[in-house]
Amino acid sequence: MSAAVVCEKKGHVFHIMLNRPKCLNAINEEMALGLVEAWKRFNSDDDARVALLYGAGDRAFCSGADTKEVVSASLPPDHSVMSECMPGALFEINKPIICAVRGYCIGAGFVLTMHADMRIASTDAKFMYPEPKMGITAGKASVLAKHLPLAVATEMLTLGGTIEGKRAYELGYVNRLVEPDDLIKEATAFAEEIAENSPMVVQLMKKMLRLSTYQTPMETGLVVSRILTEYRNSEDAQEALKAINEKRKPQYKGR
């Protein structure tokens, strides 16, 4: 596991901490890959029932993509690893994911919270999407239309403004609003309460909620991409390519 992402299972709660506090927990390639690994570990551990994602330090949940890497040739804004680190991007996760947000929550960090199921924020939280002002975008934030009134989401994504924690709570984007020093304690208690429930029923509820709510084009695109990736990595897909190259009938195995 990357040093930029620290994971620890406490009871049935899988804690994931973004660990670059000196950089306001900005997402670089190391952190993105660490998040991918963290989601894999959480998803494959039957004893981990709820994930709790938060940032190290008291200044920021996540300040977005690390601009030193984003503006370089090594990691353009649409680089796959920046998309893949979002929960549910590479594979379906039916367990609940909670974000605990303190301080700045900017850009890609904001998008991380959009892909979570629930959010607990401190009173000093600031949700920001500055890409319109920066002049670059990865186009990942359209899912905000699912979580906020359309006019408010449109304002945020075109103006590049800020929503304070209290306003996010009033709009229903945040489940609970707490004092900054109480954030992790309250978020952990919230996650533990959910983890005490039937894991099968909780996961079924998440599946049914997904089916009964509007899927944005970005979310639909993620699902299609995931399905195609799974197929391309299958034995049958590789066999099909070999058969074409060898000019023979493919021998499918259904896997």
Foldseek 3Di string as FASTA:
>chain_A
DFPQWDWDDDFQEIEIEREDVVQLSADDLSNLVVLLVSLVVQQVDPRRQEYEQAYPDQAWRYAYHDVVCCPDPNHPQQPVSLQSSAPCLQHHRLGAYEYQTHHEQEASSLLSLLSGDAYEYEQRYKYWYQCLVVVDHNPRQPSVVQQFPNVVSVCRNNVRDIDGPVRCVVRVSHVYYHHSVCRVVVVVVVRVVVSVDDSVVSSVVSVVVVVPGDDDPSNVVSVVVNVVVVVCPDPQVVQVVVCVVVVHDGDDDPD
